[in-house]
PDB file of N, CA and C in Angstrom:
ATOM      1  N   UNK A   1     -87.104-182.586  74.641  1.00  0.00           N
ATOM      2  CA  UNK A   1     -88.155-181.621  74.311  1.00  0.00           C
ATOM      3  C   UNK A   1     -88.919-181.415  75.962  1.00  0.00           C
ATOM      4  N   UNK A   2     -89.282-180.115  75.946  1.00  0.00           N
ATOM      5  CA  UNK A   2     -90.270-180.189  77.204  1.00  0.00           C
ATOM      6  C   UNK A   2     -91.648-180.471  77.219  1.00  0.00           C
ATOM      7  N   UNK A   3     -92.077-180.486  75.157  1.00  0.00           N
ATOM      8  CA  UNK A   3     -93.354-181.322  74.711  1.00  0.00           C
ATOM      9  C   UNK A   3     -93.551-182.708  75.101  1.00  0.00           C
ATOM     10  N   UNK A   4     -92.262-183.287  75.405  1.00  0.00           N
ATOM     11  CA  UNK A   4     -92.924-184.591  75.749  1.00  0.00           C
ATOM     12  C   UNK A   4     -93.039-184.922  76.725  1.00  0.00           C
ATOM     13  N   UNK A   5     -93.135-183.872  77.708  1.00  0.00           N
ATOM     14  CA  UNK A   5     -93.647-183.462  79.142  1.00  0.00           C
ATOM     15  C   UNK A   5     -95.426-183.775  79.841  1.00  0.00           C
ATOM     16  N   UNK A   6     -95.562-183.373  78.450  1.00  0.00           N
ATOM     17  CA  UNK A   6     -97.247-182.610  78.378  1.00  0.00           C
ATOM     18  C   UNK A   6     -97.696-184.019  78.295  1.00  0.00           C
ATOM     19  N   UNK A   7     -99.333-184.383  79.057  1.00  0.00           N
ATOM     20  CA  UNK A   7    -100.190-184.937  79.011  1.00  0.00           C
ATOM     21  C   UNK A   7    -100.474-185.403  77.449  1.00  0.00           C
ATOM     22  N   UNK A   8     -99.925-186.862  77.172  1.00  0.00           N
ATOM     23  CA  UNK A   8    -100.765-187.350  76.026  1.00  0.00           C
ATOM     24  C   UNK A   8    -102.187-187.087  75.534  1.00  0.00           C
ATOM     25  N   UNK A   9    -102.870-187.370  76.978  1.00  0.00           N
ATOM     26  CA  UNK A   9    -104.498-187.033  76.157  1.00  0.00           C
ATOM     27  C   UNK A   9    -104.682-185.291  76.013  1.00  0.00           C
ATOM     28  N   UNK A  10    -103.858-184.707  76.342  1.00  0.00           N
ATOM     29  CA  UNK A  10    -103.988-182.731  75.588  1.00  0.00           C
ATOM     30  C   UNK A  10    -103.726-182.728  73.744  1.00  0.00           C
ATOM     31  N   UNK A  11    -103.102-183.898  73.630  1.00  0.00           N
ATOM     32  CA  UNK A  11    -102.933-184.467  71.922  1.00  0.00           C
ATOM     33  C   UNK A  11    -102.200-182.410  71.362  1.00  0.00           C
ATOM     34  N   UNK A  12    -101.106-182.105  72.168  1.00  0.00           N
ATOM     35  CA  UNK A  12    -100.594-180.648  71.816  1.00  0.00           C
ATOM     36  C   UNK A  12    -101.414-179.665  71.995  1.00  0.00           C
ATOM     37  N   UNK A  13    -102.649-179.508  72.612  1.00  0.00           N
ATOM     38  CA  UNK A  13    -103.653-178.700  72.371  1.00  0.00           C
ATOM     39  C   UNK A  13    -103.037-178.386  73.625  1.00  0.00           C
ATOM     40  N   UNK A  14    -102.455-177.305  73.959  1.00  0.00           N
ATOM     41  CA  UNK A  14    -102.157-176.552  74.892  1.00  0.00           C
ATOM     42  C   UNK A  14    -101.090-175.258  74.551  1.00  0.00           C
ATOM     43  N   UNK A  15    -100.874-174.049  75.502  1.00  0.00           N
ATOM     44  CA  UNK A  15     -99.874-173.421  75.122  1.00  0.00           C
ATOM     45  C   UNK A  15     -98.513-173.428  75.281  1.00  0.00           C
ATOM     46  N   UNK A  16     -97.332-173.339  74.265  1.00  0.00           N
ATOM     47  CA  UNK A  16     -96.252-173.619  74.975  1.00  0.00           C
ATOM     48  C   UNK A  16     -95.632-173.047  76.209  1.00  0.00           C
ATOM     49  N   UNK A  17     -96.059-172.046  76.429  1.00  0.00           N
ATOM     50  CA  UNK A  17     -95.516-170.986  77.195  1.00  0.00           C
ATOM     51  C   UNK A  17     -96.414-171.573  78.839  1.00  0.00           C
ATOM     52  N   UNK A  18     -97.280-171.986  78.910  1.00  0.00           N
ATOM     53  CA  UNK A  18     -98.220-172.671  80.250  1.00  0.00           C
ATOM     54  C   UNK A  18     -97.535-173.558  80.593  1.00  0.00           C
ATOM     55  N   UNK A  19     -96.753-174.880  79.328  1.00  0.00           N
ATOM     56  CA  UNK A  19     -96.265-175.733  79.985  1.00  0.00           C
ATOM     57  C   UNK A  19     -94.886-175.320  80.089  1.00  0.00           C
ATOM     58  N   UNK A  20     -94.349-174.469  79.477  1.00  0.00           N
ATOM     59  CA  UNK A  20     -92.960-173.977  80.223  1.00  0.00           C
ATOM     60  C   UNK A  20     -93.073-173.452  81.377  1.00  0.00           C
ATOM     61  N   UNK A  21     -93.879-172.628  82.095  1.00  0.00           N
ATOM     62  CA  UNK A  21     -94.697-171.817  83.244  1.00  0.00           C
ATOM     63  C   UNK A  21     -94.503-172.849  84.457  1.00  0.00           C
ATOM     64  N   UNK A  22     -95.314-174.257  84.299  1.00  0.00           N
ATOM     65  CA  UNK A  22     -95.653-175.462  84.699  1.00  0.00           C
ATOM     66  C   UNK A  22     -94.579-175.525  85.249  1.00  0.00           C
ATOM     67  N   UNK A  23     -93.689-176.594  84.201  1.00  0.00           N
ATOM     68  CA  UNK A  23     -92.217-177.102  84.511  1.00  0.00           C
ATOM     69  C   UNK A  23     -91.717-176.038  85.384  1.00  0.00           C
ATOM     70  N   UNK A  24     -91.600-174.501  85.289  1.00  0.00           N
ATOM     71  CA  UNK A  24     -90.481-174.045  86.056  1.00  0.00           C
ATOM     72  C   UNK A  24     -91.555-174.074  87.642  1.00  0.00           C
ATOM     73  N   UNK A  25     -92.489-174.039  87.624  1.00  0.00           N
ATOM     74  CA  UNK A  25     -93.196-174.206  88.883  1.00  0.00           C
ATOM     75  C   UNK A  25     -92.429-175.666  89.635  1.00  0.00           C
ATOM     76  N   UNK A  26     -92.986-176.756  88.620  1.00  0.00           N
ATOM     77  CA  UNK A  26     -92.123-178.012  88.808  1.00  0.00           C
ATOM     78  C   UNK A  26     -90.858-178.146  89.625  1.00  0.00           C
ATOM     79  N   UNK A  27     -90.257-177.441  88.488  1.00  0.00           N
ATOM     80  CA  UNK A  27     -88.645-177.583  88.888  1.00  0.00           C
ATOM     81  C   UNK A  27     -88.276-176.740  90.833  1.00  0.00           C
ATOM     82  N   UNK A  28     -89.250-175.406  91.023  1.00  0.00           N
ATOM     83  CA  UNK A  28     -88.805-174.909  92.112  1.00  0.00           C
ATOM     84  C   UNK A  28     -89.700-175.845  93.701  1.00  0.00           C
ATOM     85  N   UNK A  29     -90.507-176.376  93.222  1.00  0.00           N
ATOM     86  CA  UNK A  29     -90.511-178.039  94.061  1.00  0.00           C
ATOM     87  C   UNK A  29     -89.540-178.923  94.613  1.00  0.00           C
ATOM     88  N   UNK A  30     -89.012-178.762  93.728  1.00  0.00           N
ATOM     89  CA  UNK A  30     -87.324-180.070  93.947  1.00  0.00           C
ATOM     90  C   UNK A  30     -86.400-180.082  93.948  1.00  0.00           C
ATOM     91  N   UNK A  31     -86.688-178.445  94.459  1.00  0.00           N
ATOM     92  CA  UNK A  31     -85.455-177.953  94.974  1.00  0.00           C
ATOM     93  C   UNK A  31     -84.412-178.814  96.798  1.00  0.00           C
ATOM     94  N   UNK A  32     -83.549-179.059  96.211  1.00  0.00           N
ATOM     95  CA  UNK A  32     -82.835-180.027  96.968  1.00  0.00           C
ATOM     96  C   UNK A  32     -82.805-179.436  98.293  1.00  0.00           C
ATOM     97  N   UNK A  33     -82.616-178.375  98.865  1.00  0.00           N
ATOM     98  CA  UNK A  33     -82.857-177.254  99.831  1.00  0.00           C
ATOM     99  C   UNK A  33     -84.269-177.094 100.311  1.00  0.00           C
ATOM    100  N   UNK A  34     -84.846-177.650 101.287  1.00  0.00           N
ATOM    101  CA  UNK A  34     -86.791-177.289 101.343  1.00  0.00           C
ATOM    102  C   UNK A  34     -86.804-176.076 102.015  1.00  0.00           C
ATOM    103  N   UNK A  35     -86.142-175.243 102.113  1.00  0.00           N
ATOM    104  CA  UNK A  35     -86.260-174.129 102.983  1.00  0.00           C
ATOM    105  C   UNK A  35     -86.207-173.494 101.428  1.00  0.00           C
ATOM    106  N   UNK A  36     -85.804-173.410 100.327  1.00  0.00           N
ATOM    107  CA  UNK A  36     -86.169-173.069  98.879  1.00  0.00           C
ATOM    108  C   UNK A  36     -86.815-173.056  98.197  1.00  0.00           C
ATOM    109  N   UNK A  37     -88.076-174.327  98.354  1.00  0.00           N
ATOM    110  CA  UNK A  37     -88.948-174.367  98.011  1.00  0.00           C
ATOM    111  C   UNK A  37     -90.140-173.404  98.140  1.00  0.00           C
ATOM    112  N   UNK A  38     -90.650-173.497  96.949  1.00  0.00           N
ATOM    113  CA  UNK A  38     -92.076-172.530  97.382  1.00  0.00           C
ATOM    114  C   UNK A  38     -93.416-172.889  98.109  1.00  0.00           C
ATOM    115  N   UNK A  39     -94.155-171.988  99.026  1.00  0.00           N
ATOM    116  CA  UNK A  39     -94.969-172.284  99.791  1.00  0.00           C
ATOM    117  C   UNK A  39     -96.151-172.812  99.254  1.00  0.00           C
ATOM    118  N   UNK A  40     -96.579-174.402  99.143  1.00  0.00           N
ATOM    119  CA  UNK A  40     -97.895-174.885  99.110  1.00  0.00           C
ATOM    120  C   UNK A  40     -98.821-173.848  98.315  1.00  0.00           C
ATOM    121  N   UNK A  41     -99.308-173.313  99.511  1.00  0.00           N
ATOM    122  CA  UNK A  41     -99.874-172.268  98.601  1.00  0.00           C
ATOM    123  C   UNK A  41     -99.796-171.380  97.633  1.00  0.00           C
ATOM    124  N   UNK A  42     -98.638-170.578  97.594  1.00  0.00           N
ATOM    125  CA  UNK A  42     -98.105-170.117  96.371  1.00  0.00           C
ATOM    126  C   UNK A  42     -98.078-170.885  95.372  1.00  0.00           C
ATOM    127  N   UNK A  43     -97.644-172.295  95.243  1.00  0.00           N
ATOM    128  CA  UNK A  43     -97.545-173.809  93.966  1.00  0.00           C
ATOM    129  C   UNK A  43     -99.384-173.363  93.833  1.00  0.00           C
ATOM    130  N   UNK A  44    -100.131-173.490  94.362  1.00  0.00           N
ATOM    131  CA  UNK A  44    -101.887-174.077  94.161  1.00  0.00           C
ATOM    132  C   UNK A  44    -102.107-172.675  93.502  1.00  0.00           C
ATOM    133  N   UNK A  45    -101.464-171.352  94.292  1.00  0.00           N
ATOM    134  CA  UNK A  45    -102.122-169.782  93.208  1.00  0.00           C
ATOM    135  C   UNK A  45    -101.706-170.338  91.639  1.00  0.00           C
ATOM    136  N   UNK A  46    -100.146-170.126  91.666  1.00  0.00           N
ATOM    137  CA  UNK A  46     -99.508-170.668  90.004  1.00  0.00           C
ATOM    138  C   UNK A  46     -99.998-171.196  89.760  1.00  0.00           C
ATOM    139  N   UNK A  47    -100.644-172.669  89.920  1.00  0.00           N
ATOM    140  CA  UNK A  47    -101.342-173.656  89.263  1.00  0.00           C
ATOM    141  C   UNK A  47    -102.562-173.311  88.796  1.00  0.00           C
ATOM    142  N   UNK A  48    -103.223-172.954  89.416  1.00  0.00           N
ATOM    143  CA  UNK A  48    -104.726-172.488  89.172  1.00  0.00           C
ATOM    144  C   UNK A  48    -104.770-171.389  87.917  1.00  0.00           C
ATOM    145  N   UNK A  49    -104.088-170.771  88.534  1.00  0.00           N
ATOM    146  CA  UNK A  49    -104.185-169.387  87.438  1.00  0.00           C
ATOM    147  C   UNK A  49    -103.775-170.211  85.791  1.00  0.00           C
ATOM    148  N   UNK A  50    -102.469-171.093  85.935  1.00  0.00           N
ATOM    149  CA  UNK A  50    -102.221-171.636  85.090  1.00  0.00           C
ATOM    150  C   UNK A  50    -103.625-172.225  83.841  1.00  0.00           C
ATOM    151  N   UNK A  51    -104.039-172.853  84.908  1.00  0.00           N
ATOM    152  CA  UNK A  51    -105.018-173.729  84.621  1.00  0.00           C
ATOM    153  C   UNK A  51    -106.148-172.830  84.486  1.00  0.00           C
ATOM    154  N   UNK A  52    -106.575-171.510  84.417  1.00  0.00           N
ATOM    155  CA  UNK A  52    -107.818-170.724  84.191  1.00  0.00           C
ATOM    156  C   UNK A  52    -107.030-170.497  82.774  1.00  0.00           C
ATOM    157  N   UNK A  53    -106.178-170.251  82.149  1.00  0.00           N
ATOM    158  CA  UNK A  53    -106.060-169.332  80.715  1.00  0.00           C
ATOM    159  C   UNK A  53    -106.586-170.325  79.978  1.00  0.00           C
ATOM    160  N   UNK A  54    -107.049-169.768  78.784  1.00  0.00           N
ATOM    161  CA  UNK A  54    -107.395-169.671  77.655  1.00  0.00           C
ATOM    162  C   UNK A  54    -106.689-170.278  76.759  1.00  0.00           C
ATOM    163  N   UNK A  55    -106.917-171.332  76.125  1.00  0.00           N
ATOM    164  CA  UNK A  55    -105.805-171.761  75.118  1.00  0.00           C
ATOM    165  C   UNK A  55    -106.539-171.584  73.597  1.00  0.00           C
ATOM    166  N   UNK A  56    -105.451-170.763  73.064  1.00  0.00           N
ATOM    167  CA  UNK A  56    -106.637-169.935  71.731  1.00  0.00           C
ATOM    168  C   UNK A  56    -105.329-170.608  70.380  1.00  0.00           C
ATOM    169  N   UNK A  57    -105.381-172.138  69.860  1.00  0.00           N
ATOM    170  CA  UNK A  57    -105.113-172.408  68.810  1.00  0.00           C
ATOM    171  C   UNK A  57    -104.232-171.831  67.553  1.00  0.00           C
ATOM    172  N   UNK A  58    -105.180-170.816  67.611  1.00  0.00           N
ATOM    173  CA  UNK A  58    -104.913-169.591  66.430  1.00  0.00           C
ATOM    174  C   UNK A  58    -103.689-168.753  66.777  1.00  0.00           C
ATOM    175  N   UNK A  59    -103.803-168.090  67.588  1.00  0.00           N
ATOM    176  CA  UNK A  59    -102.926-167.521  68.227  1.00  0.00           C
ATOM    177  C   UNK A  59    -101.655-168.275  68.104  1.00  0.00           C
ATOM    178  N   UNK A  60    -100.185-167.461  67.956  1.00  0.00           N
ATOM    179  CA  UNK A  60     -99.364-167.813  67.745  1.00  0.00           C
ATOM    180  C   UNK A  60     -98.048-166.578  68.652  1.00  0.00           C
ATOM    181  N   UNK A  61     -97.596-167.189  69.930  1.00  0.00           N
ATOM    182  CA  UNK A  61     -96.665-166.205  70.484  1.00  0.00           C
ATOM    183  C   UNK A  61     -95.564-165.382  69.950  1.00  0.00           C
ATOM    184  N   UNK A  62     -95.590-164.168  69.665  1.00  0.00           N
ATOM    185  CA  UNK A  62     -94.751-163.027  69.053  1.00  0.00           C
ATOM    186  C   UNK A  62     -93.077-163.744  68.518  1.00  0.00           C
ATOM    187  N   UNK A  63     -92.836-163.704  67.763  1.00  0.00           N
ATOM    188  CA  UNK A  63     -91.100-164.602  67.774  1.00  0.00           C
ATOM    189  C   UNK A  63     -90.397-163.288  68.461  1.00  0.00           C
ATOM    190  N   UNK A  64     -89.469-163.958  69.464  1.00  0.00           N
ATOM    191  CA  UNK A  64     -88.237-163.107  70.173  1.00  0.00           C
ATOM    192  C   UNK A  64     -89.272-162.062  71.315  1.00  0.00           C
ATOM    193  N   UNK A  65     -89.832-162.424  71.478  1.00  0.00           N
ATOM    194  CA  UNK A  65     -90.749-162.215  72.992  1.00  0.00           C
ATOM    195  C   UNK A  65     -90.524-162.549  73.467  1.00  0.00           C
ATOM    196  N   UNK A  66     -90.402-162.178  75.192  1.00  0.00           N
ATOM    197  CA  UNK A  66     -89.659-162.362  76.295  1.00  0.00           C
ATOM    198  C   UNK A  66     -90.333-162.782  77.109  1.00  0.00           C
ATOM    199  N   UNK A  67     -90.650-163.558  78.328  1.00  0.00           N
ATOM    200  CA  UNK A  67     -91.345-163.671  79.265  1.00  0.00           C
ATOM    201  C   UNK A  67     -90.990-163.145  80.286  1.00  0.00           C
ATOM    202  N   UNK A  68     -91.713-162.198  81.149  1.00  0.00           N
ATOM    203  CA  UNK A  68     -91.531-160.847  81.946  1.00  0.00           C
ATOM    204  C   UNK A  68     -90.612-161.751  83.458  1.00  0.00           C
ATOM    205  N   UNK A  69     -90.111-161.345  83.947  1.00  0.00           N
ATOM    206  CA  UNK A  69     -89.120-161.849  84.828  1.00  0.00           C
ATOM    207  C   UNK A  69     -89.979-162.145  85.951  1.00  0.00           C
ATOM    208  N   UNK A  70     -89.442-163.569  86.444  1.00  0.00           N
ATOM    209  CA  UNK A  70     -90.427-164.287  86.907  1.00  0.00           C
ATOM    210  C   UNK A  70     -90.412-164.276  88.543  1.00  0.00           C
ATOM    211  N   UNK A  71     -91.669-164.053  90.168  1.00  0.00           N
ATOM    212  CA  UNK A  71     -91.306-163.478  91.000  1.00  0.00           C
ATOM    213  C   UNK A  71     -91.159-164.483  91.910  1.00  0.00           C
ATOM    214  N   UNK A  72     -89.822-164.384  92.259  1.00  0.00           N
ATOM    215  CA  UNK A  72     -89.278-165.408  93.315  1.00  0.00           C
ATOM    216  C   UNK A  72     -89.801-166.016  94.553  1.00  0.00           C
ATOM    217  N   UNK A  73     -90.184-166.787  94.175  1.00  0.00           N
ATOM    218  CA  UNK A  73     -91.554-168.230  95.245  1.00  0.00           C
ATOM    219  C   UNK A  73     -90.664-167.310  96.672  1.00  0.00           C
ATOM    220  N   UNK A  74     -92.208-167.156  96.909  1.00  0.00           N
ATOM    221  CA  UNK A  74     -91.879-167.252  98.830  1.00  0.00           C
ATOM    222  C   UNK A  74     -91.216-168.812  99.603  1.00  0.00           C
ATOM    223  N   UNK A  75     -90.422-168.864 100.397  1.00  0.00           N
ATOM    224  CA  UNK A  75     -90.225-169.478 100.992  1.00  0.00           C
ATOM    225  C   UNK A  75     -90.500-170.280 102.291  1.00  0.00           C
ATOM    226  N   UNK A  76     -90.476-170.883 103.569  1.00  0.00           N
ATOM    227  CA  UNK A  76     -90.587-171.104 104.187  1.00  0.00           C
ATOM    228  C   UNK A  76     -89.720-170.009 105.425  1.00  0.00           C
ATOM    229  N   UNK A  77     -88.914-169.824 105.111  1.00  0.00           N
ATOM    230  CA  UNK A  77     -87.668-169.258 105.327  1.00  0.00           C
ATOM    231  C   UNK A  77     -88.574-167.721 106.179  1.00  0.00           C
ATOM    232  N   UNK A  78     -88.897-167.009 104.282  1.00  0.00           N
ATOM    233  CA  UNK A  78     -89.111-165.918 104.443  1.00  0.00           C
ATOM    234  C   UNK A  78     -90.619-165.598 104.721  1.00  0.00           C
ATOM    235  N   UNK A  79     -91.018-166.895 104.975  1.00  0.00           N
ATOM    236  CA  UNK A  79     -92.562-166.821 106.168  1.00  0.00           C
ATOM    237  C   UNK A  79     -91.774-165.841 107.406  1.00  0.00           C
ATOM    238  N   UNK A  80     -90.906-167.606 107.923  1.00  0.00           N
ATOM    239  CA  UNK A  80     -90.434-166.979 109.256  1.00  0.00           C
ATOM    240  C   UNK A  80     -90.356-165.535 109.626  1.00  0.00           C
ATOM    241  N   UNK A  81     -89.264-165.048 108.407  1.00  0.00           N
ATOM    242  CA  UNK A  81     -89.143-164.155 108.961  1.00  0.00           C
ATOM    243  C   UNK A  81     -89.286-162.948 109.296  1.00  0.00           C
ATOM    244  N   UNK A  82     -90.723-162.525 108.020  1.00  0.00           N
ATOM    245  CA  UNK A  82     -91.954-161.909 107.951  1.00  0.00           C
ATOM    246  C   UNK A  82     -92.189-161.928 109.522  1.00  0.00           C
ATOM    247  N   UNK A  83     -93.004-163.461 110.177  1.00  0.00           N
ATOM    248  CA  UNK A  83     -93.152-163.165 110.906  1.00  0.00           C
ATOM    249  C   UNK A  83     -92.784-162.317 112.127  1.00  0.00           C
ATOM    250  N   UNK A  84     -91.486-163.296 112.129  1.00  0.00           N
ATOM    251  CA  UNK A  84     -90.555-162.640 113.300  1.00  0.00           C
ATOM    252  C   UNK A  84     -90.146-161.012 113.480  1.00  0.00           C
ATOM    253  N   UNK A  85     -90.476-160.786 112.429  1.00  0.00           N
ATOM    254  CA  UNK A  85     -90.353-158.957 112.464  1.00  0.00           C
ATOM    255  C   UNK A  85     -91.669-158.978 112.109  1.00  0.00           C
ATOM    256  N   UNK A  86     -92.346-158.970 112.288  1.00  0.00           N
ATOM    257  CA  UNK A  86     -94.023-158.633 112.583  1.00  0.00           C
ATOM    258  C   UNK A  86     -94.381-157.445 111.342  1.00  0.00           C
ATOM    259  N   UNK A  87     -93.885-158.134 110.240  1.00  0.00           N
ATOM    260  CA  UNK A  87     -94.407-157.288 108.736  1.00  0.00           C
ATOM    261  C   UNK A  87     -95.596-158.332 108.408  1.00  0.00           C
ATOM    262  N   UNK A  88     -95.749-159.340 108.650  1.00  0.00           N
ATOM    263  CA  UNK A  88     -96.181-159.989 107.848  1.00  0.00           C
ATOM    264  C   UNK A  88     -98.168-159.626 108.216  1.00  0.00           C
ATOM    265  N   UNK A  89     -98.950-158.962 106.968  1.00  0.00           N
ATOM    266  CA  UNK A  89    -100.225-159.177 107.876  1.00  0.00           C
ATOM    267  C   UNK A  89    -100.868-160.537 107.523  1.00  0.00           C
ATOM    268  N   UNK A  90    -100.198-161.487 107.368  1.00  0.00           N
ATOM    269  CA  UNK A  90    -101.061-162.558 107.621  1.00  0.00           C
ATOM    270  C   UNK A  90    -100.696-163.383 108.659  1.00  0.00           C
ATOM    271  N   UNK A  91    -100.322-162.803 109.277  1.00  0.00           N
ATOM    272  CA  UNK A  91    -100.041-163.859 111.284  1.00  0.00           C
ATOM    273  C   UNK A  91    -101.290-164.077 111.578  1.00  0.00           C
ATOM    274  N   UNK A  92    -100.107-165.689 111.719  1.00  0.00           N
ATOM    275  CA  UNK A  92    -101.576-165.972 112.390  1.00  0.00           C
ATOM    276  C   UNK A  92    -101.411-166.263 114.210  1.00  0.00           C
ATOM    277  N   UNK A  93    -102.410-166.086 114.595  1.00  0.00           N
ATOM    278  CA  UNK A  93    -103.041-165.870 116.036  1.00  0.00           C
ATOM    279  C   UNK A  93    -102.804-166.497 116.818  1.00  0.00           C
TER     280      UNK A  93
END
């Protein structure tokens, strides 16, 4: 069970959806192919967002609700392609 992966110091006081999302980020980071791993900036953004969410223990997720589809992580390969075709507004000088 995924809850066993949570820090015991949290004493179960965390949103299960947040745990699943953090685990999904971690799973992307350990892809065997390095070019399939997300950029560290994207990892930081995702984890910063998750850490900023307030936990309300009295609210329960709606049964049967589905998580929205995840946005595929950007990879080094995606960034390199954008830089080579000039479509990235964050191009390095």
